[in-house]
């Protein structure tokens, strides 16, 4: 093709507002990259703050010291060129790591090894640490195998050190085999009265936020608790109905056992009376009654050893009631453990609702659950 076009990337460095340096990097572009009319004799490039028409004659009149060939090619991002076409990379020479303050936050400029480009990292002085900074560097450039921050004497700085502490002294950042010294801006500690004012301001902002959002939060939290309470009660309803039926059966069983015990004691009394006054004499039955009384005492002591409870009628009645209830629950397949968990959850939700509706804390009227 006789009429060949060139892609140019022009970088201006303004020095002291009087002198300027122009560096032009030129490489022939593939024909398929250029979309121009056949009759066109120029190529118009667009970049931030730069719009010009470059002609072939410009290349011939430029000194050779201002022109360098770039063997590789990459696509310029949309932020650098709206055309997003393939062009040559600008290799920045003399790029060094530094840190400046921008909008009150420290901005670190670090050269990355893979593409020989610089990258800015904006960190928070208090919440971010050295470990976060090194992590961001490795995430930005996959070619970083080792990143360490040390003091000027070569002492390694802990990853838990906050950025505000790091910026109080000069330090070095080592990326792979390259060491970049950094001299941070002068550290100015806040006076104690300014710190107190900032603390009061934070408290005031927090209180204002609470006052503006507490009503909305209270309403949303109350709806959530009421929904949980409704779901728990819905789950509890069938189990509670079955529990009442089992309680009735267990109570009836306990009462029947009490009457059976009373009947057996009456039969024992009648049998001993007949043997004493009708069939035999008192002299014969006295040793028999003694052993019966002693055997009853042994049975009570055995009950204490087995159940670890004192033998009295109230505790015996409660024990028989529980034995009967769990026996019927196993037959009816009632999950007593789950029933207790649901009851505890309902109690906790109701307690949370009471605290949420406390007028002393939330400035709301008391409502009955």
Protein backbone atom coordinates (compact mmCIF):
# COMPACT_ATOMS: atom_id res chain seq x y z
CA UNK A 1 0.00 0.00 0.00
CA UNK A 2 1.65 3.24 -1.13
CA UNK A 3 -0.22 5.62 1.11
CA UNK A 4 0.63 4.38 4.62
CA UNK A 5 -0.61 5.95 7.81
CA UNK A 6 1.02 6.08 11.23
CA UNK A 7 -0.35 6.04 14.78
CA UNK A 8 1.24 8.64 17.05
CA UNK A 9 1.08 8.99 20.81
CA UNK A 10 2.22 12.43 21.93
CA UNK A 11 3.00 13.18 25.56
CA UNK A 12 3.63 16.73 26.79
CA UNK A 13 5.49 17.44 30.00
CA UNK A 14 5.00 21.04 31.06
CA UNK A 15 7.95 22.36 33.04
CA UNK A 16 7.68 25.62 35.02
CA UNK A 17 4.96 26.85 32.62
CA UNK A 18 7.62 28.09 30.15
CA UNK A 19 9.37 25.07 28.66
CA UNK A 20 7.75 21.98 27.17
CA UNK A 21 9.12 18.72 25.89
CA UNK A 22 7.51 16.63 23.16
CA UNK A 23 8.20 12.92 22.79
CA UNK A 24 6.66 11.10 19.83
CA UNK A 25 6.64 7.33 19.51
CA UNK A 26 5.82 6.02 16.04
CA UNK A 27 5.14 2.60 14.63
CA UNK A 28 3.32 1.64 11.41
CA UNK A 29 -0.18 0.45 12.24
CA UNK A 30 -1.81 -2.58 10.60
CA UNK A 31 -4.13 -1.71 7.75
CA UNK A 32 -7.11 -3.38 9.46
CA UNK A 33 -6.75 -1.08 12.46
CA UNK A 34 -7.35 2.12 10.48
CA UNK A 35 -10.85 3.04 9.38
CA UNK A 36 -10.32 6.08 7.11
CA UNK A 37 -11.72 7.12 3.73
CA UNK A 38 -9.44 6.22 0.79
CA UNK A 39 -8.96 9.85 -0.12
CA UNK A 40 -7.92 10.88 3.37
CA UNK A 41 -4.36 12.14 3.74
CA UNK A 42 -4.35 12.58 7.50
CA UNK A 43 -5.28 10.75 10.67
CA UNK A 44 -6.95 12.49 13.54
CA UNK A 45 -6.22 11.18 17.04
CA UNK A 46 -8.29 11.85 20.16
CA UNK A 47 -6.96 11.74 23.68
CA UNK A 48 -7.69 13.63 26.93
CA UNK A 49 -6.82 17.32 26.48
CA UNK A 50 -5.28 16.56 23.03
CA UNK A 51 -6.80 16.78 19.55
CA UNK A 52 -4.59 17.27 16.49
CA UNK A 53 -4.12 16.26 12.85
CA UNK A 54 -0.85 14.41 12.23
CA UNK A 55 0.51 14.31 8.68
CA UNK A 56 3.29 12.22 7.24
CA UNK A 57 5.46 15.27 6.71
CA UNK A 58 5.60 15.88 10.45
CA UNK A 59 7.42 12.60 10.97
CA UNK A 60 10.08 13.54 8.39
CA UNK A 61 10.85 16.90 9.97
CA UNK A 62 11.22 15.59 13.54
CA UNK A 63 14.74 15.02 14.96
CA UNK A 64 15.75 11.40 15.37
CA UNK A 65 16.42 11.92 19.10
CA UNK A 66 12.69 12.56 19.59
CA UNK A 67 11.54 9.35 17.91
CA UNK A 68 11.72 5.85 19.36
CA UNK A 69 10.32 2.59 18.07
CA UNK A 70 8.15 0.49 20.42
CA UNK A 71 8.22 -3.21 19.48
CA UNK A 72 5.07 -4.19 21.37
CA UNK A 73 1.49 -3.16 20.91
CA UNK A 74 -1.45 -2.90 23.31
CA UNK A 75 -4.95 -1.52 23.21
CA UNK A 76 -5.35 1.92 24.75
CA UNK A 77 -8.13 1.92 27.37
CA UNK A 78 -11.26 3.96 26.75
CA UNK A 79 -10.20 6.47 29.39
CA UNK A 80 -7.05 7.29 27.39
CA UNK A 81 -8.47 7.12 23.90
CA UNK A 82 -12.16 7.02 22.99
CA UNK A 83 -11.28 5.18 19.79
CA UNK A 84 -9.98 2.14 21.72
CA UNK A 85 -7.66 1.14 18.87
CA UNK A 86 -4.31 -0.66 19.09
CA UNK A 87 -1.41 1.68 19.65
CA UNK A 88 2.10 1.83 21.11
CA UNK A 89 2.81 2.01 24.83
CA UNK A 90 4.49 5.04 26.35
CA UNK A 91 7.26 3.89 28.61
CA UNK A 92 7.72 6.41 31.40
CA UNK A 93 11.31 6.84 32.47
CA UNK A 94 12.37 7.90 35.93
CA UNK A 95 9.06 6.95 37.64
CA UNK A 96 9.50 6.80 41.39
CA UNK A 97 7.27 5.82 44.28
CA UNK A 98 5.85 8.67 46.31
CA UNK A 99 2.92 9.61 48.52
CA UNK A 100 0.82 12.77 48.57
CA UNK A 101 -2.34 13.87 50.34
CA UNK A 102 -5.41 14.29 48.17
CA UNK A 103 -8.77 15.25 49.67
CA UNK A 104 -7.37 14.45 53.09
CA UNK A 105 -6.38 10.88 52.18
CA UNK A 106 -2.87 9.57 51.42
CA UNK A 107 -2.40 8.56 47.79
CA UNK A 108 0.53 6.20 47.11
CA UNK A 109 2.04 6.16 43.62
CA UNK A 110 3.91 2.89 43.06
CA UNK A 111 5.58 1.59 39.86
CA UNK A 112 4.38 -1.91 38.98
CA UNK A 113 6.87 -4.34 37.42
CA UNK A 114 4.74 -6.14 34.83
CA UNK A 115 4.03 -3.26 32.44
CA UNK A 116 6.41 -0.69 33.89
CA UNK A 117 3.47 1.51 34.75
CA UNK A 118 2.67 3.53 37.83
CA UNK A 119 -0.48 2.95 39.82
CA UNK A 120 -2.14 5.05 42.51
CA UNK A 121 -3.51 3.54 45.72
CA UNK A 122 -5.80 5.64 47.93
CA UNK A 123 -5.84 4.35 51.51
CA UNK A 124 -7.54 5.32 54.74
CA UNK A 125 -5.06 6.36 57.43
CA UNK A 126 -6.76 4.67 60.40
CA UNK A 127 -8.73 1.73 59.04
CA UNK A 128 -6.20 0.49 56.45
CA UNK A 129 -2.94 -1.22 57.39
CA UNK A 130 0.36 -2.12 55.74
CA UNK A 131 -1.05 -5.58 55.05
CA UNK A 132 -3.97 -4.05 53.15
CA UNK A 133 -1.58 -1.91 51.09
CA UNK A 134 0.57 -4.91 50.10
CA UNK A 135 -2.54 -6.93 49.33
CA UNK A 136 -3.85 -4.24 46.99
CA UNK A 137 -0.50 -4.13 45.16
CA UNK A 138 -0.52 -7.90 44.55
CA UNK A 139 -4.13 -7.82 43.41
CA UNK A 140 -3.39 -4.98 40.97
CA UNK A 141 -0.33 -6.66 39.39
CA UNK A 142 -0.19 -10.43 39.18
CA UNK A 143 3.53 -10.27 38.47
CA UNK A 144 4.33 -9.15 42.02
CA UNK A 145 5.77 -12.16 43.84
CA UNK A 146 7.12 -10.35 46.88
CA UNK A 147 6.10 -7.03 48.38
CA UNK A 148 7.57 -5.81 51.67
CA UNK A 149 7.66 -2.45 53.43
CA UNK A 150 10.74 -1.71 55.55
CA UNK A 151 12.18 1.24 57.41
CA UNK A 152 15.18 3.20 56.18
CA UNK A 153 17.43 0.92 58.25
CA UNK A 154 15.97 -2.19 56.55
CA UNK A 155 13.79 -3.31 59.46
CA UNK A 156 10.61 -4.96 58.25
CA UNK A 157 7.39 -3.16 59.23
CA UNK A 158 4.56 -5.32 60.56
CA UNK A 159 1.51 -5.87 58.36
CA UNK A 160 -0.75 -4.78 61.22
CA UNK A 161 0.78 -1.27 61.30
CA UNK A 162 -1.76 1.37 60.35
CA UNK A 163 -1.11 3.78 57.49
CA UNK A 164 -1.09 6.87 59.72
CA UNK A 165 1.75 5.36 61.78
CA UNK A 166 3.62 4.36 58.60
CA UNK A 167 3.50 7.91 57.24
CA UNK A 168 5.24 9.41 60.27
CA UNK A 169 8.70 8.31 59.08
CA UNK A 170 10.50 7.59 55.83
CA UNK A 171 10.23 4.01 54.61
CA UNK A 172 11.03 1.76 51.66
CA UNK A 173 8.79 -0.50 49.62
CA UNK A 174 10.38 -3.54 47.98
CA UNK A 175 8.55 -5.03 45.01
CA UNK A 176 10.22 -8.20 43.74
CA UNK A 177 13.88 -7.11 43.37
CA UNK A 178 13.26 -3.35 43.19
CA UNK A 179 13.48 -1.06 46.23
CA UNK A 180 11.64 2.27 46.16
CA UNK A 181 12.35 4.80 48.93
CA UNK A 182 9.40 6.97 49.94
CA UNK A 183 9.52 10.21 51.90
CA UNK A 184 6.00 11.00 53.13
CA UNK A 185 4.83 14.58 53.66
CA UNK A 186 5.41 16.17 57.04
CA UNK A 187 3.21 14.62 59.71
CA UNK A 188 1.15 17.11 61.66
CA UNK A 189 -0.54 15.73 64.74
CA UNK A 190 -3.89 17.18 65.65
CA UNK A 191 -3.98 19.25 68.84
CA UNK A 192 -5.82 17.74 71.77
CA UNK A 193 -8.59 20.33 71.56
CA UNK A 194 -9.17 19.47 67.91
CA UNK A 195 -9.35 15.79 68.79
CA UNK A 196 -11.91 16.58 71.49
CA UNK A 197 -13.94 18.64 69.02
CA UNK A 198 -13.85 15.80 66.49
CA UNK A 199 -14.98 13.35 69.17
CA UNK A 200 -17.88 15.62 70.13
CA UNK A 201 -18.78 16.02 66.47
CA UNK A 202 -18.79 12.25 65.94
CA UNK A 203 -21.02 11.81 68.99
CA UNK A 204 -23.39 14.49 67.74
CA UNK A 205 -23.56 12.93 64.27
CA UNK A 206 -24.20 9.49 65.77
CA UNK A 207 -26.96 10.86 67.98
CA UNK A 208 -28.52 12.70 65.05
CA UNK A 209 -28.41 9.56 62.93
CA UNK A 210 -30.12 7.58 65.69
CA UNK A 211 -32.84 10.18 66.09
CA UNK A 212 -33.49 10.27 62.35
CA UNK A 213 -33.54 6.51 61.83
CA UNK A 214 -34.60 5.02 65.17
CA UNK A 215 -38.33 5.17 64.44
CA UNK A 216 -37.93 3.45 61.10
CA UNK A 217 -35.62 0.85 62.63
CA UNK A 218 -38.05 0.26 65.50
CA UNK A 219 -40.96 -0.30 63.11
CA UNK A 220 -38.97 -2.70 60.91
CA UNK A 221 -37.63 -4.59 63.94
CA UNK A 222 -41.09 -4.86 65.46
CA UNK A 223 -42.51 -6.24 62.22
CA UNK A 224 -39.72 -8.80 62.07
CA UNK A 225 -40.27 -9.89 65.68
CA UNK A 226 -44.04 -10.12 65.18
CA UNK A 227 -43.49 -12.26 62.09
CA UNK A 228 -41.17 -14.56 64.04
CA UNK A 229 -43.68 -14.74 66.88
CA UNK A 230 -46.47 -15.62 64.47
CA UNK A 231 -44.41 -18.38 62.83
CA UNK A 232 -43.43 -19.85 66.20
CA UNK A 233 -47.01 -19.83 67.45
CA UNK A 234 -48.16 -21.48 64.24
CA UNK A 235 -45.58 -24.24 64.75
CA UNK A 236 -46.48 -24.55 68.42
CA UNK A 237 -50.27 -24.84 67.96
CA UNK A 238 -50.52 -28.57 67.02
CA UNK A 239 -47.88 -29.58 69.56
CA UNK A 240 -49.60 -27.59 72.29
CA UNK A 241 -52.94 -29.24 71.53
CA UNK A 242 -51.37 -32.70 71.76
CA UNK A 243 -49.56 -31.68 74.96
CA UNK A 244 -52.83 -30.79 76.67
CA UNK A 245 -54.30 -34.17 75.75
CA UNK A 246 -51.25 -35.98 77.11
CA UNK A 247 -51.33 -33.91 80.31
CA UNK A 248 -54.94 -34.94 80.88
CA UNK A 249 -54.07 -38.61 80.41
CA UNK A 250 -50.99 -38.41 82.62
CA UNK A 251 -52.91 -36.62 85.39
CA UNK A 252 -55.68 -39.20 85.23
CA UNK A 253 -53.13 -42.00 85.43
CA UNK A 254 -51.50 -40.43 88.50
CA UNK A 255 -54.85 -40.07 90.27
CA UNK A 256 -55.71 -43.69 89.50
CA UNK A 257 -52.38 -44.87 90.89
CA UNK A 258 -53.07 -42.92 94.10
CA UNK A 259 -56.43 -44.61 94.53
CA UNK A 260 -54.88 -48.01 93.78
CA UNK A 261 -52.28 -47.42 96.50
CA UNK A 262 -54.98 -46.45 98.99
CA UNK A 263 -56.95 -49.58 98.10
CA UNK A 264 -53.92 -51.83 98.62
CA UNK A 265 -53.26 -50.26 102.02
CA UNK A 266 -56.89 -50.93 102.98
CA UNK A 267 -56.61 -54.57 101.88
CA UNK A 268 -53.42 -54.93 103.93
CA UNK A 269 -55.14 -53.47 106.99
CA UNK A 270 -58.15 -55.80 106.65
CA UNK A 271 -55.99 -58.90 106.16
CA UNK A 272 -53.86 -58.18 109.23
CA UNK A 273 -56.99 -57.49 111.32
CA UNK A 274 -58.61 -60.79 110.38
CA UNK A 275 -55.43 -62.77 111.06
CA UNK A 276 -54.99 -61.04 114.41
CA UNK A 277 -58.51 -61.23 115.89
CA UNK A 278 -60.16 -64.10 114.04
CA UNK A 279 -57.71 -66.67 112.70
CA UNK A 280 -54.71 -66.23 115.01
CA UNK A 281 -53.84 -64.33 118.14
CA UNK A 282 -51.82 -61.12 118.63
CA UNK A 283 -48.87 -63.08 119.96
CA UNK A 284 -48.54 -64.83 116.61
CA UNK A 285 -49.15 -61.77 114.38
CA UNK A 286 -46.96 -59.30 116.28
CA UNK A 287 -43.66 -60.47 114.65
CA UNK A 288 -45.42 -60.50 111.25
CA UNK A 289 -46.50 -56.87 111.55
CA UNK A 290 -43.00 -55.92 112.72
CA UNK A 291 -41.38 -57.37 109.59
CA UNK A 292 -44.02 -55.76 107.39
CA UNK A 293 -43.23 -52.34 108.93
CA UNK A 294 -39.49 -52.88 108.60
CA UNK A 295 -39.90 -54.03 104.97
CA UNK A 296 -41.82 -50.81 104.20
CA UNK A 297 -38.89 -48.76 105.59
CA UNK A 298 -36.44 -50.76 103.43
CA UNK A 299 -38.61 -50.11 100.35
CA UNK A 300 -38.62 -46.33 101.05
CA UNK A 301 -34.82 -46.30 101.41
CA UNK A 302 -34.46 -48.26 98.16
CA UNK A 303 -36.65 -45.64 96.46
CA UNK A 304 -34.27 -42.91 97.65
CA UNK A 305 -31.20 -44.81 96.43
CA UNK A 306 -32.69 -45.38 92.97
CA UNK A 307 -34.40 -42.04 92.33
CA UNK A 308 -32.10 -39.77 94.43
CA UNK A 309 -35.26 -38.17 95.83
CA UNK A 310 -36.83 -38.25 99.25
CA UNK A 311 -39.86 -40.48 99.54
CA UNK A 312 -42.84 -38.22 100.11
CA UNK A 313 -46.24 -38.21 98.52
CA UNK A 314 -45.88 -34.92 96.59
CA UNK A 315 -42.62 -35.91 94.88
CA UNK A 316 -43.89 -39.42 94.20
CA UNK A 317 -47.00 -37.95 92.58
CA UNK A 318 -44.95 -35.58 90.37
CA UNK A 319 -42.61 -38.36 89.35
CA UNK A 320 -45.46 -40.63 88.33
CA UNK A 321 -47.04 -37.77 86.40
CA UNK A 322 -43.84 -37.16 84.38
CA UNK A 323 -43.32 -40.86 83.74
CA UNK A 324 -46.85 -41.14 82.41
CA UNK A 325 -46.55 -37.97 80.30
CA UNK A 326 -43.32 -39.06 78.56
CA UNK A 327 -44.72 -42.54 78.04
CA UNK A 328 -47.78 -41.17 76.25
CA UNK A 329 -45.60 -38.66 74.33
CA UNK A 330 -43.50 -41.48 72.88
CA UNK A 331 -46.65 -43.29 71.80
CA UNK A 332 -48.16 -40.17 70.22
CA UNK A 333 -44.76 -39.13 68.70
CA UNK A 334 -44.64 -35.74 70.39
CA UNK A 335 -41.15 -34.15 70.21
CA UNK A 336 -40.88 -32.76 73.73
CA UNK A 337 -37.40 -31.31 73.07
CA UNK A 338 -38.59 -29.34 70.05
CA UNK A 339 -41.65 -28.20 72.00
CA UNK A 340 -39.41 -26.77 74.73
CA UNK A 341 -37.19 -25.04 72.14
CA UNK A 342 -40.19 -23.35 70.53
CA UNK A 343 -41.48 -22.22 73.92
CA UNK A 344 -38.08 -20.72 74.79
CA UNK A 345 -37.93 -18.94 71.43
CA UNK A 346 -41.40 -17.46 71.96
CA UNK A 347 -40.36 -16.25 75.39
CA UNK A 348 -37.25 -14.54 73.95
CA UNK A 349 -39.21 -12.86 71.15
CA UNK A 350 -41.80 -11.58 73.59
CA UNK A 351 -39.05 -10.22 75.83
CA UNK A 352 -37.47 -8.43 72.84
CA UNK A 353 -40.83 -6.91 71.97
CA UNK A 354 -41.25 -5.64 75.51
CA UNK A 355 -37.83 -4.00 75.43
CA UNK A 356 -38.50 -2.58 71.96
CA UNK A 357 -41.74 -1.01 73.16
CA UNK A 358 -40.24 0.37 76.34
CA UNK A 359 -41.07 4.11 76.35
CA UNK A 360 -37.94 4.89 78.39
CA UNK A 361 -35.66 3.58 75.63
CA UNK A 362 -37.53 4.18 72.38
CA UNK A 363 -39.89 7.01 73.33
CA UNK A 364 -42.85 4.88 72.29
CA UNK A 365 -46.08 4.06 74.16
CA UNK A 366 -46.33 0.70 75.88
CA UNK A 367 -48.34 -1.88 73.96
CA UNK A 368 -49.58 -5.17 75.26
CA UNK A 369 -48.43 -8.25 73.40
